Amino acid sequence: MSVELLFSILDHAGVFLFAVSGGIIAARNRLDPFGAAILGAVTGMGGGTLRDMILGSLPVYWVNAPEYLALALIGGVAGYYGSALVTSGKGTRRQALVWADAAGLSVFCVIGAQAGLAAGAHWSIAALTGVMSAAFGGLLRDIIVNEVPLILRAEIYALAALAGASAYIIAVQMGVMTSVAALGAAALAFTIRGAAILFGWSLPPIGKID
């Protein structure tokens, strides 16, 4: 498999997975199917849109590739109806949400870092675009439905994206095959985020201040 094909697959998968998480949260908040499709599109394409704007890659990626919009809309509706079919109750829908979000995060942190390197950005900026690609869509999603964004909670989230993006950058700089670096970095980000979900890993909060 060529590197271009691998990144194309990862990019499309990331859009779909994040869109699914948007559909799930739409179901949790009792939105209608149209609202789920819109929320899926915002979640699936928000991070990549911000990434391209920061890197000056205009028009943004989905303008000339409408299949991304179609994929995001389908993912939003799939998450909306799928979560209702396989889960019951708000708590179980939340589990489906956080795992779909974790999968999307693990893919997009690598896609964002790769885009930064390809644009000739400094490695620190490439790491930043990786985190932004992974987190911004979910941030918009949660703000729209008036929930505290996952990235702002104590549970480890952005650090998982940073670890994945950094691992990819370091591996590429060390001469590791690009496809191996991408898959390994995505797996690392997913493992860290998954462990945080399962074991409640979090950064220590400062505590209540009166």
Protein backbone atom coordinates (compact mmCIF):
# COMPACT_ATOMS: atom_id res chain seq x y z
CA MET A 1 0.00 0.00 0.00
CA SER A 2 1.37 3.42 -0.96
CA VAL A 3 1.84 6.13 1.66
CA GLU A 4 -0.62 8.38 -0.18
CA LEU A 5 -3.31 5.69 -0.11
CA LEU A 6 -2.68 4.99 3.58
CA PHE A 7 -3.08 8.65 4.55
CA SER A 8 -6.17 8.94 2.37
CA ILE A 9 -7.72 5.97 4.15
CA LEU A 10 -6.78 7.35 7.57
CA ASP A 11 -8.12 10.79 6.67
CA HIS A 12 -11.47 9.45 5.49
CA ALA A 13 -11.67 7.12 8.50
CA GLY A 14 -10.97 10.01 10.87
CA VAL A 15 -13.71 12.16 9.34
CA PHE A 16 -16.20 9.31 9.57
CA LEU A 17 -15.34 8.32 13.14
CA PHE A 18 -15.55 11.87 14.43
CA ALA A 19 -18.82 12.34 12.54
CA VAL A 20 -20.17 9.20 14.21
CA SER A 21 -19.33 10.71 17.60
CA GLY A 22 -21.25 13.82 16.56
CA GLY A 23 -24.26 11.69 15.69
CA ILE A 24 -24.08 9.89 19.02
CA ILE A 25 -24.02 13.11 21.01
CA ALA A 26 -26.92 14.38 18.88
CA ALA A 27 -28.91 11.31 19.96
CA ARG A 28 -27.96 11.86 23.59
CA ASN A 29 -29.26 15.40 23.38
CA ARG A 30 -32.44 14.41 21.51
CA LEU A 31 -31.70 16.33 18.33
CA ASP A 32 -33.44 15.35 15.10
CA PRO A 33 -31.70 13.48 12.24
CA PHE A 34 -30.95 16.75 10.42
CA GLY A 35 -29.28 18.09 13.53
CA ALA A 36 -27.28 14.87 13.78
CA ALA A 37 -26.07 15.24 10.19
CA ILE A 38 -25.00 18.85 10.78
CA LEU A 39 -23.29 18.01 14.06
CA GLY A 40 -21.55 15.10 12.35
CA ALA A 41 -20.26 17.38 9.59
CA VAL A 42 -19.00 19.96 12.08
CA THR A 43 -17.27 17.30 14.18
CA GLY A 44 -15.84 15.35 11.28
CA MET A 45 -14.46 18.29 9.32
CA GLY A 46 -13.83 20.94 11.98
CA GLY A 47 -10.32 19.88 12.95
CA GLY A 48 -9.08 19.53 9.38
CA THR A 49 -10.59 22.89 8.47
CA LEU A 50 -8.71 24.66 11.26
CA ARG A 51 -5.52 22.79 10.32
CA ASP A 52 -5.67 23.94 6.70
CA MET A 53 -6.45 27.52 7.69
CA ILE A 54 -3.46 27.65 10.03
CA LEU A 55 -1.16 26.16 7.40
CA GLY A 56 -2.51 28.47 4.68
CA SER A 57 -3.75 25.54 2.60
CA LEU A 58 -6.73 27.23 0.97
CA PRO A 59 -9.34 26.43 -0.03
CA VAL A 60 -9.61 23.90 2.81
CA TYR A 61 -9.44 20.23 1.90
CA TRP A 62 -13.13 19.42 1.62
CA VAL A 63 -14.03 22.28 -0.74
CA ASN A 64 -12.55 20.44 -3.72
CA ALA A 65 -13.37 16.98 -2.35
CA PRO A 66 -17.12 16.90 -1.61
CA GLU A 67 -16.95 13.22 -0.69
CA TYR A 68 -15.69 14.34 2.73
CA LEU A 69 -18.91 16.25 3.33
CA ALA A 70 -20.97 13.27 2.21
CA LEU A 71 -18.97 10.96 4.46
CA ALA A 72 -19.38 13.27 7.45
CA LEU A 73 -23.13 13.61 6.93
CA ILE A 74 -23.50 9.84 6.60
CA GLY A 75 -21.35 9.30 9.69
CA GLY A 76 -23.46 11.71 11.71
CA VAL A 77 -26.70 9.95 10.77
CA ALA A 78 -25.11 6.52 11.29
CA GLY A 79 -23.99 7.50 14.79
CA TYR A 80 -27.43 8.92 15.53
CA TYR A 81 -29.41 5.82 14.57
CA GLY A 82 -26.69 3.31 15.40
CA SER A 83 -26.33 4.45 18.99
CA ALA A 84 -30.08 4.15 19.50
CA LEU A 85 -30.07 0.61 18.12
CA VAL A 86 -27.15 -0.83 20.08
CA THR A 87 -27.35 1.11 23.32
CA SER A 88 -29.92 2.04 25.90
CA GLY A 89 -29.69 4.98 28.21
CA LYS A 90 -27.52 8.08 28.34
CA GLY A 91 -24.64 6.37 30.12
CA THR A 92 -24.07 3.70 27.48
CA ARG A 93 -24.36 6.25 24.70
CA ARG A 94 -21.58 8.17 26.41
CA GLN A 95 -19.35 5.09 26.26
CA ALA A 96 -19.99 4.76 22.55
CA LEU A 97 -19.24 8.46 22.17
CA VAL A 98 -15.90 8.45 23.97
CA TRP A 99 -14.63 5.39 22.10
CA ALA A 100 -15.64 6.73 18.69
CA ASP A 101 -14.01 10.01 19.65
CA ALA A 102 -10.85 8.21 20.79
CA ALA A 103 -10.55 6.43 17.46
CA GLY A 104 -11.01 9.68 15.55
CA LEU A 105 -8.48 11.45 17.75
CA SER A 106 -5.84 8.76 17.20
CA VAL A 107 -6.13 9.11 13.42
CA PHE A 108 -6.39 12.89 13.17
CA CYS A 109 -3.42 13.66 15.41
CA VAL A 110 -1.23 11.84 12.88
CA ILE A 111 -2.96 13.37 9.85
CA GLY A 112 -2.53 16.85 11.32
CA ALA A 113 1.15 16.29 12.14
CA GLN A 114 1.80 14.93 8.66
CA ALA A 115 0.10 17.95 7.10
CA GLY A 116 2.27 20.27 9.16
CA LEU A 117 5.48 18.53 8.11
CA ALA A 118 4.37 18.44 4.47
CA ALA A 119 3.77 22.21 4.60
CA GLY A 120 7.36 22.73 5.79
CA ALA A 121 6.35 23.83 9.28
CA HIS A 122 8.67 23.54 12.27
CA TRP A 123 8.24 20.29 14.19
CA SER A 124 6.60 22.13 17.09
CA ILE A 125 3.99 23.62 14.75
CA ALA A 126 3.42 20.20 13.18
CA ALA A 127 2.75 18.79 16.66
CA LEU A 128 0.35 21.67 17.31
CA THR A 129 -1.55 21.09 14.06
CA GLY A 130 -1.78 17.43 15.04
CA VAL A 131 -3.41 18.29 18.36
CA MET A 132 -5.71 20.86 16.78
CA SER A 133 -6.81 18.47 14.06
CA ALA A 134 -7.61 15.87 16.70
CA ALA A 135 -9.37 18.14 19.17
CA PHE A 136 -11.06 21.05 17.41
CA GLY A 137 -13.94 19.13 15.83
CA GLY A 138 -14.88 17.60 19.17
CA LEU A 139 -14.52 20.99 20.85
CA LEU A 140 -17.02 22.52 18.42
CA ARG A 141 -19.33 19.53 18.83
CA ASP A 142 -19.49 19.84 22.59
CA ILE A 143 -19.88 23.62 22.56
CA ILE A 144 -22.82 23.40 20.14
CA VAL A 145 -24.72 21.06 22.46
CA ASN A 146 -23.72 23.09 25.52
CA GLU A 147 -21.52 20.45 27.16
CA VAL A 148 -18.10 20.90 28.74
CA PRO A 149 -15.69 19.84 25.94
CA LEU A 150 -13.79 16.61 26.51
CA ILE A 151 -10.51 18.44 25.88
CA LEU A 152 -11.19 20.76 28.83
CA ARG A 153 -11.97 18.03 31.35
CA ALA A 154 -9.42 16.55 33.73
CA GLU A 155 -9.40 13.22 31.86
CA ILE A 156 -6.35 12.84 29.61
CA TYR A 157 -7.34 13.86 26.08
CA ALA A 158 -5.14 16.46 24.43
CA LEU A 159 -2.04 14.78 25.87
CA ALA A 160 -2.94 11.59 24.00
CA ALA A 161 -3.16 13.56 20.75
CA LEU A 162 0.13 15.32 21.51
CA ALA A 163 1.82 11.98 22.23
CA GLY A 164 0.60 10.53 18.93
CA ALA A 165 1.59 13.59 16.89
CA SER A 166 5.00 13.81 18.58
CA ALA A 167 5.66 10.10 18.12
CA TYR A 168 4.92 10.39 14.41
CA ILE A 169 7.21 13.41 14.00
CA ILE A 170 10.06 11.78 15.92
CA ALA A 171 9.71 8.50 14.03
CA VAL A 172 9.78 10.26 10.66
CA GLN A 173 12.81 12.32 11.66
CA MET A 174 14.57 9.10 12.68
CA GLY A 175 13.96 7.61 9.24
CA VAL A 176 11.23 5.15 10.17
CA MET A 177 9.06 4.15 7.22
CA THR A 178 6.22 6.67 6.99
CA SER A 179 3.44 4.09 6.97
CA VAL A 180 4.87 2.33 10.02
CA ALA A 181 5.33 5.65 11.82
CA ALA A 182 1.74 6.68 11.08
CA LEU A 183 0.14 3.43 12.23
CA GLY A 184 2.37 3.19 15.30
CA ALA A 185 1.71 6.77 16.36
CA ALA A 186 -2.04 6.37 15.89
CA ALA A 187 -1.95 3.18 17.96
CA LEU A 188 -0.02 4.98 20.71
CA ALA A 189 -2.54 7.83 20.86
CA PHE A 190 -5.45 5.39 20.96
CA THR A 191 -3.79 3.32 23.68
CA ILE A 192 -3.17 6.35 25.90
CA ARG A 193 -6.67 7.73 25.39
CA GLY A 194 -8.20 4.28 25.86
CA ALA A 195 -6.31 3.75 29.10
CA ALA A 196 -7.50 7.14 30.32
CA ILE A 197 -11.10 6.11 29.60
CA LEU A 198 -10.77 2.69 31.23
CA PHE A 199 -8.72 3.63 34.27
CA GLY A 200 -9.77 7.24 34.77
CA TRP A 201 -6.31 8.69 34.17
CA SER A 202 -6.32 12.45 34.54
CA LEU A 203 -4.13 15.40 35.33
CA PRO A 204 -4.44 16.56 38.94
CA PRO A 205 -6.90 19.46 39.17
CA ILE A 206 -6.08 22.51 41.23
CA GLY A 207 -9.15 21.97 43.39
CA LYS A 208 -12.00 24.23 44.34
CA ILE A 209 -11.15 27.89 44.85
CA ASP A 210 -13.54 30.05 46.85
